[in-house]
Protein backbone atom coordinates (compact mmCIF):
# COMPACT_ATOMS: atom_id res chain seq x y z
CA MET A 1 26.04 36.29 -86.59
CA ARG A 2 24.51 33.55 -88.70
CA LEU A 3 21.99 31.27 -87.05
CA ALA A 4 20.56 28.18 -88.63
CA PRO A 5 16.85 28.54 -89.45
CA LEU A 6 14.42 27.13 -86.93
CA THR A 7 11.49 24.86 -87.70
CA VAL A 8 9.54 24.98 -84.49
CA VAL A 9 6.48 23.43 -82.89
CA ARG A 10 5.58 26.15 -80.42
CA ARG A 11 4.26 25.45 -76.96
CA SER A 12 1.49 27.15 -75.09
CA ALA A 13 2.38 28.58 -71.69
CA LEU A 14 1.03 26.97 -68.54
CA ALA A 15 0.66 29.13 -65.46
CA LEU A 16 0.96 27.28 -62.15
CA VAL A 17 -0.45 28.97 -59.07
CA GLY A 18 1.67 28.61 -55.95
CA LEU A 19 5.09 29.67 -54.84
CA VAL A 20 6.24 30.42 -58.36
CA ALA A 21 5.00 30.98 -61.90
CA LEU A 22 6.40 28.26 -64.12
CA VAL A 23 6.78 29.11 -67.79
CA GLY A 24 6.38 26.71 -70.68
CA CYS A 25 4.76 23.35 -71.11
CA GLY A 26 3.76 21.60 -74.30
CA VAL A 27 4.27 18.86 -76.83
CA PRO A 28 7.46 17.40 -78.27
CA ALA A 29 8.74 18.68 -81.58
CA ASN A 30 8.29 16.94 -84.86
CA ASP A 31 10.49 13.85 -84.72
CA ASN A 32 11.70 14.61 -88.24
CA ALA A 33 13.01 18.06 -87.35
CA ALA A 34 16.80 17.99 -87.08
CA PRO A 35 18.28 19.82 -84.09
CA VAL A 36 19.84 23.06 -85.20
CA THR A 37 23.24 24.48 -84.41
CA ILE A 38 24.89 27.83 -84.88
CA ASP A 39 28.05 28.56 -86.76
CA LEU A 40 30.99 28.13 -84.39
CA GLY A 41 33.10 30.55 -86.37
CA VAL A 42 35.12 33.68 -85.78
CA GLY A 43 33.70 35.91 -83.07
CA LEU A 44 32.13 33.34 -80.78
CA GLY A 45 35.22 33.03 -78.65
CA VAL A 46 35.54 29.26 -78.60
CA VAL A 47 36.70 26.42 -80.78
CA GLY A 48 34.39 23.43 -80.61
CA HIS A 49 31.91 21.24 -82.36
CA PRO A 50 28.11 21.39 -82.16
CA GLY A 51 26.90 18.60 -79.94
CA GLN A 52 30.00 18.63 -77.74
CA VAL A 53 29.74 22.04 -76.06
CA GLY A 54 30.50 21.77 -72.36
CA THR A 55 30.43 17.99 -72.04
CA GLU A 56 33.83 16.71 -73.16
CA GLY A 57 32.11 13.56 -74.31
CA GLN A 58 30.24 12.88 -71.06
CA VAL A 59 26.77 11.33 -71.29
CA ALA A 60 24.26 11.37 -68.44
CA ALA A 61 23.92 8.09 -66.57
CA ASN A 62 20.18 7.88 -67.25
CA ALA A 63 20.14 9.78 -70.54
CA SER A 64 17.69 7.39 -72.22
CA ASP A 65 15.06 8.13 -69.56
CA ILE A 66 15.01 11.90 -70.01
CA ASP A 67 12.02 13.48 -71.76
CA SER A 68 11.68 16.81 -69.96
CA VAL A 69 13.69 19.76 -68.65
CA VAL A 70 13.39 21.84 -65.50
CA MET A 71 15.36 25.10 -65.73
CA ILE A 72 15.91 27.79 -63.08
CA GLY A 73 17.51 31.08 -64.03
CA ASP A 74 17.76 34.85 -63.71
CA SER A 75 17.19 37.72 -66.15
CA ILE A 76 19.49 36.18 -68.76
CA THR A 77 17.34 33.05 -68.85
CA LYS A 78 14.15 35.11 -68.70
CA GLY A 79 15.15 37.14 -71.75
CA SER A 80 16.24 33.99 -73.58
CA THR A 81 13.15 31.90 -72.76
CA PRO A 82 11.58 32.02 -76.25
CA ALA A 83 14.83 30.88 -77.86
CA LEU A 84 15.34 28.20 -75.19
CA MET A 85 11.83 26.86 -75.68
CA ASP A 86 12.30 26.73 -79.45
CA ARG A 87 15.50 24.74 -79.14
CA PHE A 88 14.25 22.38 -76.44
CA ASP A 89 11.25 21.72 -78.72
CA LEU A 90 13.59 20.71 -81.51
CA LEU A 91 15.21 18.21 -79.17
CA GLY A 92 11.80 16.72 -78.37
CA LEU A 93 12.00 17.79 -74.72
CA ASP A 94 9.19 19.31 -72.68
CA ALA A 95 10.56 22.31 -70.81
CA MET A 96 9.51 24.10 -67.64
CA ILE A 97 11.45 27.33 -67.16
CA GLN A 98 11.29 29.48 -64.03
CA ALA A 99 13.33 32.65 -64.34
CA GLU A 100 13.16 36.08 -62.76
CA ASN A 101 15.22 39.25 -62.87
CA GLY A 102 17.71 39.48 -60.02
CA LYS A 103 17.34 35.88 -58.89
CA ARG A 104 20.18 34.72 -56.69
CA MET A 105 21.43 31.27 -55.78
CA ALA A 106 20.53 31.14 -52.10
CA VAL A 107 19.27 34.60 -51.12
CA SER A 108 15.57 35.43 -51.43
CA VAL A 109 14.68 39.07 -52.03
CA GLN A 110 11.12 40.21 -51.26
CA ASP A 111 8.86 38.32 -53.69
CA ASN A 112 11.77 36.78 -55.62
CA PRO A 113 12.57 33.40 -54.02
CA SER A 114 16.14 32.17 -54.30
CA GLY A 115 17.13 29.47 -56.74
CA SER A 116 17.58 27.02 -53.89
CA THR A 117 14.04 27.75 -52.67
CA ILE A 118 12.64 27.25 -56.16
CA ALA A 119 14.58 24.02 -56.59
CA GLY A 120 13.31 22.65 -53.29
CA PHE A 121 9.73 23.59 -54.16
CA LEU A 122 9.90 21.93 -57.57
CA GLU A 123 11.67 18.85 -56.19
CA SER A 124 8.97 18.36 -53.57
CA GLY A 125 6.25 18.25 -56.23
CA SER A 126 7.03 14.66 -57.24
CA ASP A 127 8.62 11.54 -55.80
CA ASP A 128 10.27 10.64 -59.09
CA HIS A 129 12.34 13.02 -61.20
CA SER A 130 14.30 10.37 -63.08
CA ASN A 131 12.87 11.54 -66.43
CA GLU A 132 14.03 15.15 -65.92
CA LEU A 133 17.17 17.03 -66.89
CA TRP A 134 17.68 19.96 -64.53
CA VAL A 135 19.37 23.15 -65.75
CA VAL A 136 20.60 25.84 -63.34
CA ALA A 137 21.61 29.21 -64.80
CA LEU A 138 22.34 31.21 -61.67
CA GLY A 139 25.33 33.10 -60.33
CA THR A 140 25.38 36.43 -62.18
CA ASN A 141 23.63 38.24 -59.34
CA ASP A 142 25.95 36.54 -56.83
CA VAL A 143 29.23 37.67 -58.39
CA GLY A 144 31.15 39.71 -55.82
CA GLN A 145 28.47 39.37 -53.15
CA TYR A 146 30.28 37.06 -50.71
CA SER A 147 33.11 37.46 -48.22
CA GLY A 148 35.02 34.48 -49.57
CA PRO A 149 34.99 31.15 -51.40
CA ASP A 150 33.44 29.24 -48.50
CA GLU A 151 30.30 31.38 -48.64
CA ILE A 152 30.06 30.90 -52.41
CA ALA A 153 30.48 27.14 -52.04
CA ALA A 154 27.75 27.07 -49.40
CA ALA A 155 25.35 28.89 -51.75
CA VAL A 156 26.14 26.56 -54.65
CA ASN A 157 25.69 23.55 -52.37
CA GLU A 158 22.33 24.89 -51.23
CA VAL A 159 21.11 24.98 -54.83
CA LEU A 160 22.50 21.52 -55.54
CA ASP A 161 20.74 20.15 -52.45
CA GLY A 162 17.43 21.10 -54.08
CA VAL A 163 18.17 19.29 -57.34
CA PRO A 164 16.81 15.72 -57.29
CA ASP A 165 19.55 13.13 -56.85
CA GLU A 166 18.21 11.06 -59.74
CA SER A 167 18.22 13.95 -62.24
CA PRO A 168 21.22 14.76 -64.44
CA LEU A 169 22.25 18.40 -64.18
CA VAL A 170 23.56 21.14 -66.48
CA TRP A 171 24.81 24.24 -64.64
CA VAL A 172 25.36 27.26 -66.91
CA ASP A 173 28.42 29.23 -65.87
CA THR A 174 28.55 33.00 -65.43
CA TYR A 175 29.97 35.90 -67.43
CA PHE A 176 30.38 39.36 -65.87
CA ARG A 177 32.63 41.60 -67.97
CA ASP A 178 33.38 44.17 -65.28
CA ARG A 179 34.11 41.67 -62.49
CA PRO A 180 36.38 39.11 -64.14
CA GLU A 181 38.19 37.99 -60.98
CA ALA A 182 35.01 37.49 -58.96
CA GLN A 183 33.44 35.74 -61.96
CA ALA A 184 36.40 33.38 -62.21
CA VAL A 185 36.21 32.47 -58.52
CA LEU A 186 32.48 31.73 -58.69
CA ASN A 187 32.82 29.66 -61.88
CA SER A 188 35.72 27.70 -60.40
CA ILE A 189 33.63 26.77 -57.37
CA VAL A 190 30.67 25.84 -59.55
CA HIS A 191 32.90 23.55 -61.62
CA ASP A 192 34.26 21.92 -58.47
CA ARG A 193 30.87 21.34 -56.86
CA VAL A 194 29.24 20.13 -60.06
CA THR A 195 32.08 17.66 -60.56
CA ARG A 196 31.70 16.41 -57.00
CA ARG A 197 27.96 15.90 -57.51
CA GLY A 198 28.49 13.66 -60.50
CA ASN A 199 26.11 13.09 -63.42
CA SER A 200 26.51 16.81 -64.12
CA VAL A 201 28.23 19.13 -66.59
CA VAL A 202 28.83 22.87 -66.95
CA ALA A 203 27.55 24.77 -70.00
CA PRO A 204 30.24 27.35 -70.95
CA TRP A 205 28.29 30.57 -71.46
CA SER A 206 31.41 32.48 -70.37
CA SER A 207 33.24 31.21 -73.46
CA PHE A 208 30.56 32.51 -75.83
CA ALA A 209 29.65 35.81 -74.13
CA THR A 210 31.71 38.10 -76.34
CA ALA A 211 31.11 41.82 -76.87
CA ASP A 212 29.12 41.32 -80.07
CA VAL A 213 26.41 39.28 -78.30
CA LEU A 214 26.08 41.45 -75.18
CA VAL A 215 24.49 44.83 -74.49
CA ALA A 216 26.48 47.72 -73.00
CA ASP A 217 26.37 46.36 -69.43
CA GLY A 218 28.60 43.44 -70.42
CA VAL A 219 26.23 40.94 -68.83
CA HIS A 220 22.92 40.67 -70.66
CA PRO A 221 22.64 39.27 -74.19
CA THR A 222 21.40 41.20 -77.19
CA PRO A 223 18.47 39.73 -79.14
CA ASP A 224 20.97 37.74 -81.21
CA GLY A 225 22.81 36.95 -78.01
CA THR A 226 19.76 35.23 -76.55
CA GLU A 227 20.00 32.78 -79.42
CA VAL A 228 23.64 32.15 -78.57
CA PHE A 229 22.79 31.65 -74.90
CA ALA A 230 20.03 29.22 -75.86
CA PHE A 231 22.45 27.37 -78.14
CA VAL A 232 25.03 26.98 -75.37
CA VAL A 233 22.41 25.61 -72.96
CA THR A 234 20.59 23.29 -75.35
CA ASP A 235 23.60 22.02 -77.24
CA THR A 236 25.24 21.12 -73.93
CA ALA A 237 22.01 19.35 -72.99
CA ARG A 238 21.91 17.58 -76.36
CA ALA A 239 25.43 16.25 -76.01
CA PHE A 240 24.93 15.28 -72.37
CA LEU A 241 21.82 13.29 -73.28
CA GLY A 242 23.44 11.72 -76.33
CA LEU A 243 20.78 13.13 -78.69
């Protein structure tokens, strides 16, 4: 898989003491650095154009106000954090990424708070989030874990309730090779709820998660796959913000 070369201004990590450890805070990228894309060629499983992934031409209502990103995710996001930070840098966006293995949408497990808990904690830290794009990359650990669609919808709604009303949202959909039907149900509900929220789009990771970018479990990306995941997230964000 051919990736465009990166020219990156790297950030230093900032550890925040409290409910969670928040990863990544720094300075915008060089204004002269062009955002990079990857080759949307054979093997990526989708036909599209860089800068339009996942948005169908939609632009966030307050796109011109956005200068930072808050992202909540699971192990896929955690493993892709370096690539995500690189690409957010190139877009000139400060990024705060909180990701942990096994994180679920609305179920906390021991010392791993749910995504909805994290969202509520981060939302409560400020009265104004109008300069933030929020990205949610949760659902993989919830595939097949509910008795029916109503329970899934309730979990998605719980996460959405924690996202500030004034912040545009990108929700990254889910790919789970060995549970295609359960994956499809969860993604359908996410699409429905995100559409109802408004000022939101879905980043189509499931369209890019082909065998050549995943390890043997059919869920987690390879090292090259983390670059593809980061591309899907950040190129969706780029299009949604009109960058």
